[in-house]
Amino acid sequence: MSLKDVRGWTPLHEAARTDNWTVLGIVIEFDQLGPLEVDARDHEGRTPLAVAAGAYTRPRFSST
């Protein structure tokens, strides 16, 4: 089963982005998580590892 949001992010992407080690551990140990989920790419081609390494940039909003 593959759980992805509108960005193509899996729970592992979100856990990596937030540095939530508890959730990250749960997601990694989840028995249905296979190698394809660990290497899952979002709609922009980023893996959870890339997100954890800081390749994710939050959208910036303008006041204009």
PDB file of N, CA and C in Angstrom:
ATOM      1  N   MET A   1       0.851  -1.186   0.000  1.00  0.00           N
ATOM      2  CA  MET A   1       0.000   0.000   0.000  1.00  0.00           C
ATOM      3  C   MET A   1       0.890   1.240   0.000  1.00  0.00           C
ATOM      4  N   SER A   2       0.526   2.187  -0.803  1.00  0.00           N
ATOM      5  CA  SER A   2       1.284   3.420  -0.884  1.00  0.00           C
ATOM      6  C   SER A   2       0.393   4.586  -0.461  1.00  0.00           C
ATOM      7  N   LEU A   3       0.795   5.256   0.581  1.00  0.00           N
ATOM      8  CA  LEU A   3       0.055   6.423   1.052  1.00  0.00           C
ATOM      9  C   LEU A   3       0.799   7.673   0.615  1.00  0.00           C
ATOM     10  N   LYS A   4       0.173   8.474  -0.239  1.00  0.00           N
ATOM     11  CA  LYS A   4       0.791   9.711  -0.704  1.00  0.00           C
ATOM     12  C   LYS A   4      -0.214  10.847  -0.631  1.00  0.00           C
ATOM     13  N   ASP A   5       0.294  12.044  -0.336  1.00  0.00           N
ATOM     14  CA  ASP A   5      -0.579  13.212  -0.319  1.00  0.00           C
ATOM     15  C   ASP A   5      -0.553  13.894  -1.688  1.00  0.00           C
ATOM     16  N   VAL A   6      -1.128  15.075  -1.777  1.00  0.00           N
ATOM     17  CA  VAL A   6      -1.223  15.774  -3.065  1.00  0.00           C
ATOM     18  C   VAL A   6       0.145  16.180  -3.626  1.00  0.00           C
ATOM     19  N   ARG A   7       1.166  16.246  -2.769  1.00  0.00           N
ATOM     20  CA  ARG A   7       2.521  16.564  -3.233  1.00  0.00           C
ATOM     21  C   ARG A   7       3.276  15.325  -3.677  1.00  0.00           C
ATOM     22  N   GLY A   8       2.680  14.149  -3.413  1.00  0.00           N
ATOM     23  CA  GLY A   8       3.367  12.900  -3.686  1.00  0.00           C
ATOM     24  C   GLY A   8       4.202  12.441  -2.509  1.00  0.00           C
ATOM     25  N   TRP A   9       4.009  13.084  -1.360  1.00  0.00           N
ATOM     26  CA  TRP A   9       4.775  12.750  -0.165  1.00  0.00           C
ATOM     27  C   TRP A   9       4.185  11.548   0.553  1.00  0.00           C
ATOM     28  N   THR A  10       5.075  10.698   1.037  1.00  0.00           N
ATOM     29  CA  THR A  10       4.697   9.573   1.884  1.00  0.00           C
ATOM     30  C   THR A  10       4.856  10.003   3.346  1.00  0.00           C
ATOM     31  N   PRO A  11       4.385   9.193   4.303  1.00  0.00           N
ATOM     32  CA  PRO A  11       4.628   9.525   5.711  1.00  0.00           C
ATOM     33  C   PRO A  11       6.120   9.689   6.011  1.00  0.00           C
ATOM     34  N   LEU A  12       6.961   8.954   5.308  1.00  0.00           N
ATOM     35  CA  LEU A  12       8.405   9.068   5.518  1.00  0.00           C
ATOM     36  C   LEU A  12       8.933  10.439   5.092  1.00  0.00           C
ATOM     37  N   HIS A  13       8.424  10.997   4.006  1.00  0.00           N
ATOM     38  CA  HIS A  13       8.807  12.355   3.604  1.00  0.00           C
ATOM     39  C   HIS A  13       8.482  13.356   4.720  1.00  0.00           C
ATOM     40  N   GLU A  14       7.268  13.260   5.251  1.00  0.00           N
ATOM     41  CA  GLU A  14       6.835  14.218   6.285  1.00  0.00           C
ATOM     42  C   GLU A  14       7.642  14.047   7.566  1.00  0.00           C
ATOM     43  N   ALA A  15       7.889  12.810   7.964  1.00  0.00           N
ATOM     44  CA  ALA A  15       8.699  12.569   9.166  1.00  0.00           C
ATOM     45  C   ALA A  15      10.107  13.114   8.974  1.00  0.00           C
ATOM     46  N   ALA A  16      10.664  12.955   7.783  1.00  0.00           N
ATOM     47  CA  ALA A  16      12.005  13.476   7.498  1.00  0.00           C
ATOM     48  C   ALA A  16      12.018  14.998   7.540  1.00  0.00           C
ATOM     49  N   ARG A  17      10.977  15.628   7.011  1.00  0.00           N
ATOM     50  CA  ARG A  17      10.904  17.090   6.981  1.00  0.00           C
ATOM     51  C   ARG A  17      10.839  17.675   8.380  1.00  0.00           C
ATOM     52  N   THR A  18      10.118  17.035   9.271  1.00  0.00           N
ATOM     53  CA  THR A  18       9.899  17.585  10.608  1.00  0.00           C
ATOM     54  C   THR A  18      10.931  17.131  11.626  1.00  0.00           C
ATOM     55  N   ASP A  19      11.889  16.304  11.200  1.00  0.00           N
ATOM     56  CA  ASP A  19      12.884  15.742  12.128  1.00  0.00           C
ATOM     57  C   ASP A  19      12.215  15.006  13.274  1.00  0.00           C
ATOM     58  N   ASN A  20      11.074  14.380  13.007  1.00  0.00           N
ATOM     59  CA  ASN A  20      10.347  13.646  14.035  1.00  0.00           C
ATOM     60  C   ASN A  20      10.874  12.219  14.082  1.00  0.00           C
ATOM     61  N   TRP A  21      11.841  11.982  14.960  1.00  0.00           N
ATOM     62  CA  TRP A  21      12.514  10.688  15.027  1.00  0.00           C
ATOM     63  C   TRP A  21      11.588   9.571  15.488  1.00  0.00           C
ATOM     64  N   THR A  22      10.620   9.888  16.333  1.00  0.00           N
ATOM     65  CA  THR A  22       9.676   8.868  16.794  1.00  0.00           C
ATOM     66  C   THR A  22       8.843   8.369  15.621  1.00  0.00           C
ATOM     67  N   VAL A  23       8.254   9.296  14.877  1.00  0.00           N
ATOM     68  CA  VAL A  23       7.443   8.909  13.716  1.00  0.00           C
ATOM     69  C   VAL A  23       8.323   8.252  12.662  1.00  0.00           C
ATOM     70  N   LEU A  24       9.503   8.771  12.459  1.00  0.00           N
ATOM     71  CA  LEU A  24      10.419   8.196  11.484  1.00  0.00           C
ATOM     72  C   LEU A  24      10.703   6.733  11.812  1.00  0.00           C
ATOM     73  N   GLY A  25      10.955   6.444  13.075  1.00  0.00           N
ATOM     74  CA  GLY A  25      11.207   5.064  13.498  1.00  0.00           C
ATOM     75  C   GLY A  25      10.006   4.161  13.278  1.00  0.00           C
ATOM     76  N   ILE A  26       8.821   4.664  13.589  1.00  0.00           N
ATOM     77  CA  ILE A  26       7.603   3.881  13.387  1.00  0.00           C
ATOM     78  C   ILE A  26       7.391   3.597  11.912  1.00  0.00           C
ATOM     79  N   VAL A  27       7.558   4.607  11.088  1.00  0.00           N
ATOM     80  CA  VAL A  27       7.347   4.434   9.642  1.00  0.00           C
ATOM     81  C   VAL A  27       8.349   3.432   9.079  1.00  0.00           C
ATOM     82  N   ILE A  28       9.603   3.527   9.485  1.00  0.00           N
ATOM     83  CA  ILE A  28      10.631   2.621   8.975  1.00  0.00           C
ATOM     84  C   ILE A  28      10.375   1.189   9.420  1.00  0.00           C
ATOM     85  N   GLU A  29       9.904   1.002  10.646  1.00  0.00           N
ATOM     86  CA  GLU A  29       9.671  -0.345  11.165  1.00  0.00           C
ATOM     87  C   GLU A  29       8.328  -0.934  10.763  1.00  0.00           C
ATOM     88  N   PHE A  30       7.460  -0.134  10.165  1.00  0.00           N
ATOM     89  CA  PHE A  30       6.161  -0.633   9.731  1.00  0.00           C
ATOM     90  C   PHE A  30       6.385  -1.791   8.773  1.00  0.00           C
ATOM     91  N   ASP A  31       5.755  -2.937   9.067  1.00  0.00           N
ATOM     92  CA  ASP A  31       6.109  -4.160   8.337  1.00  0.00           C
ATOM     93  C   ASP A  31       5.745  -4.143   6.856  1.00  0.00           C
ATOM     94  N   GLN A  32       4.877  -3.251   6.414  1.00  0.00           N
ATOM     95  CA  GLN A  32       4.544  -3.200   4.993  1.00  0.00           C
ATOM     96  C   GLN A  32       5.391  -2.170   4.241  1.00  0.00           C
ATOM     97  N   LEU A  33       6.283  -1.513   4.926  1.00  0.00           N
ATOM     98  CA  LEU A  33       7.133  -0.520   4.267  1.00  0.00           C
ATOM     99  C   LEU A  33       8.252  -1.237   3.537  1.00  0.00           C
ATOM    100  N   GLY A  34       8.258  -1.151   2.249  1.00  0.00           N
ATOM    101  CA  GLY A  34       9.267  -1.835   1.449  1.00  0.00           C
ATOM    102  C   GLY A  34      10.253  -0.853   0.877  1.00  0.00           C
ATOM    103  N   PRO A  35      11.248  -1.361   0.163  1.00  0.00           N
ATOM    104  CA  PRO A  35      12.282  -0.496  -0.415  1.00  0.00           C
ATOM    105  C   PRO A  35      11.729   0.578  -1.345  1.00  0.00           C
ATOM    106  N   LEU A  36      10.606   0.311  -1.995  1.00  0.00           N
ATOM    107  CA  LEU A  36      10.040   1.320  -2.880  1.00  0.00           C
ATOM    108  C   LEU A  36       9.549   2.529  -2.099  1.00  0.00           C
ATOM    109  N   GLU A  37       9.064   2.312  -0.879  1.00  0.00           N
ATOM    110  CA  GLU A  37       8.616   3.428  -0.053  1.00  0.00           C
ATOM    111  C   GLU A  37       9.811   4.244   0.453  1.00  0.00           C
ATOM    112  N   VAL A  38      10.880   3.594   0.808  1.00  0.00           N
ATOM    113  CA  VAL A  38      12.067   4.304   1.291  1.00  0.00           C
ATOM    114  C   VAL A  38      12.643   5.175   0.184  1.00  0.00           C
ATOM    115  N   ASP A  39      12.565   4.705  -1.040  1.00  0.00           N
ATOM    116  CA  ASP A  39      13.087   5.446  -2.183  1.00  0.00           C
ATOM    117  C   ASP A  39      11.999   6.198  -2.943  1.00  0.00           C
ATOM    118  N   ALA A  40      10.818   6.334  -2.346  1.00  0.00           N
ATOM    119  CA  ALA A  40       9.703   6.995  -3.018  1.00  0.00           C
ATOM    120  C   ALA A  40      10.084   8.429  -3.372  1.00  0.00           C
ATOM    121  N   ARG A  41       9.664   8.852  -4.534  1.00  0.00           N
ATOM    122  CA  ARG A  41       9.924  10.221  -4.980  1.00  0.00           C
ATOM    123  C   ARG A  41       8.619  10.988  -5.030  1.00  0.00           C
ATOM    124  N   ASP A  42       8.702  12.255  -4.617  1.00  0.00           N
ATOM    125  CA  ASP A  42       7.514  13.103  -4.687  1.00  0.00           C
ATOM    126  C   ASP A  42       7.357  13.627  -6.109  1.00  0.00           C
ATOM    127  N   HIS A  43       6.407  14.528  -6.330  1.00  0.00           N
ATOM    128  CA  HIS A  43       6.146  15.044  -7.680  1.00  0.00           C
ATOM    129  C   HIS A  43       7.300  15.874  -8.237  1.00  0.00           C
ATOM    130  N   GLU A  44       8.223  16.266  -7.358  1.00  0.00           N
ATOM    131  CA  GLU A  44       9.396  17.024  -7.819  1.00  0.00           C
ATOM    132  C   GLU A  44      10.659  16.168  -7.817  1.00  0.00           C
ATOM    133  N   GLY A  45      10.496  14.859  -7.583  1.00  0.00           N
ATOM    134  CA  GLY A  45      11.623  13.941  -7.643  1.00  0.00           C
ATOM    135  C   GLY A  45      12.425  13.788  -6.371  1.00  0.00           C
ATOM    136  N   ARG A  46      11.966  14.366  -5.270  1.00  0.00           N
ATOM    137  CA  ARG A  46      12.717  14.300  -4.015  1.00  0.00           C
ATOM    138  C   ARG A  46      12.384  13.033  -3.233  1.00  0.00           C
ATOM    139  N   THR A  47      13.410  12.371  -2.725  1.00  0.00           N
ATOM    140  CA  THR A  47      13.234  11.223  -1.847  1.00  0.00           C
ATOM    141  C   THR A  47      13.154  11.728  -0.409  1.00  0.00           C
ATOM    142  N   PRO A  48      12.713  10.874   0.529  1.00  0.00           N
ATOM    143  CA  PRO A  48      12.739  11.285   1.936  1.00  0.00           C
ATOM    144  C   PRO A  48      14.141  11.689   2.404  1.00  0.00           C
ATOM    145  N   LEU A  49      15.170  11.014   1.902  1.00  0.00           N
ATOM    146  CA  LEU A  49      16.539  11.377   2.270  1.00  0.00           C
ATOM    147  C   LEU A  49      16.878  12.787   1.804  1.00  0.00           C
ATOM    148  N   ALA A  50      16.463  13.144   0.605  1.00  0.00           N
ATOM    149  CA  ALA A  50      16.711  14.496   0.095  1.00  0.00           C
ATOM    150  C   ALA A  50      15.987  15.526   0.953  1.00  0.00           C
ATOM    151  N   VAL A  51      14.767  15.201   1.375  1.00  0.00           N
ATOM    152  CA  VAL A  51      14.005  16.108   2.239  1.00  0.00           C
ATOM    153  C   VAL A  51      14.730  16.276   3.570  1.00  0.00           C
ATOM    154  N   ALA A  52      15.195  15.166   4.146  1.00  0.00           N
ATOM    155  CA  ALA A  52      15.910  15.224   5.427  1.00  0.00           C
ATOM    156  C   ALA A  52      17.205  16.019   5.313  1.00  0.00           C
ATOM    157  N   ALA A  53      17.826  15.956   4.152  1.00  0.00           N
ATOM    158  CA  ALA A  53      19.091  16.659   3.938  1.00  0.00           C
ATOM    159  C   ALA A  53      18.896  18.142   3.656  1.00  0.00           C
ATOM    160  N   GLY A  54      17.639  18.567   3.560  1.00  0.00           N
ATOM    161  CA  GLY A  54      17.387  19.986   3.389  1.00  0.00           C
ATOM    162  C   GLY A  54      17.039  20.410   1.979  1.00  0.00           C
ATOM    163  N   ALA A  55      16.756  19.460   1.114  1.00  0.00           N
ATOM    164  CA  ALA A  55      16.398  19.817  -0.253  1.00  0.00           C
ATOM    165  C   ALA A  55      14.990  20.394  -0.324  1.00  0.00           C
ATOM    166  N   TYR A  56      14.229  20.259   0.754  1.00  0.00           N
ATOM    167  CA  TYR A  56      12.868  20.789   0.784  1.00  0.00           C
ATOM    168  C   TYR A  56      12.914  22.245   1.190  1.00  0.00           C
ATOM    169  N   THR A  57      12.291  23.086   0.415  1.00  0.00           N
ATOM    170  CA  THR A  57      12.183  24.494   0.786  1.00  0.00           C
ATOM    171  C   THR A  57      10.715  24.825   0.941  1.00  0.00           C
ATOM    172  N   ARG A  58      10.381  25.481   2.013  1.00  0.00           N
ATOM    173  CA  ARG A  58       8.994  25.852   2.263  1.00  0.00           C
ATOM    174  C   ARG A  58       8.605  27.003   1.349  1.00  0.00           C
ATOM    175  N   PRO A  59       7.373  26.997   0.878  1.00  0.00           N
ATOM    176  CA  PRO A  59       6.911  28.107   0.046  1.00  0.00           C
ATOM    177  C   PRO A  59       6.976  29.415   0.811  1.00  0.00           C
ATOM    178  N   ARG A  60       7.339  30.456   0.144  1.00  0.00           N
ATOM    179  CA  ARG A  60       7.370  31.781   0.773  1.00  0.00           C
ATOM    180  C   ARG A  60       6.215  32.597   0.247  1.00  0.00           C
ATOM    181  N   PHE A  61       5.582  33.288   1.145  1.00  0.00           N
ATOM    182  CA  PHE A  61       4.428  34.081   0.777  1.00  0.00           C
ATOM    183  C   PHE A  61       4.774  35.553   0.791  1.00  0.00           C
ATOM    184  N   SER A  62       4.247  36.246  -0.157  1.00  0.00           N
ATOM    185  CA  SER A  62       4.489  37.676  -0.260  1.00  0.00           C
ATOM    186  C   SER A  62       3.327  38.432   0.357  1.00  0.00           C
ATOM    187  N   SER A  63       3.616  39.560   0.949  1.00  0.00           N
ATOM    188  CA  SER A  63       2.551  40.384   1.540  1.00  0.00           C
ATOM    189  C   SER A  63       1.911  41.291   0.501  1.00  0.00           C
ATOM    190  N   THR A  64       2.407  41.242  -0.725  1.00  0.00           N
ATOM    191  CA  THR A  64       1.835  42.098  -1.780  1.00  0.00           C
ATOM    192  C   THR A  64       0.749  41.402  -2.537  1.00  0.00           C
TER     193      THR A  64
END
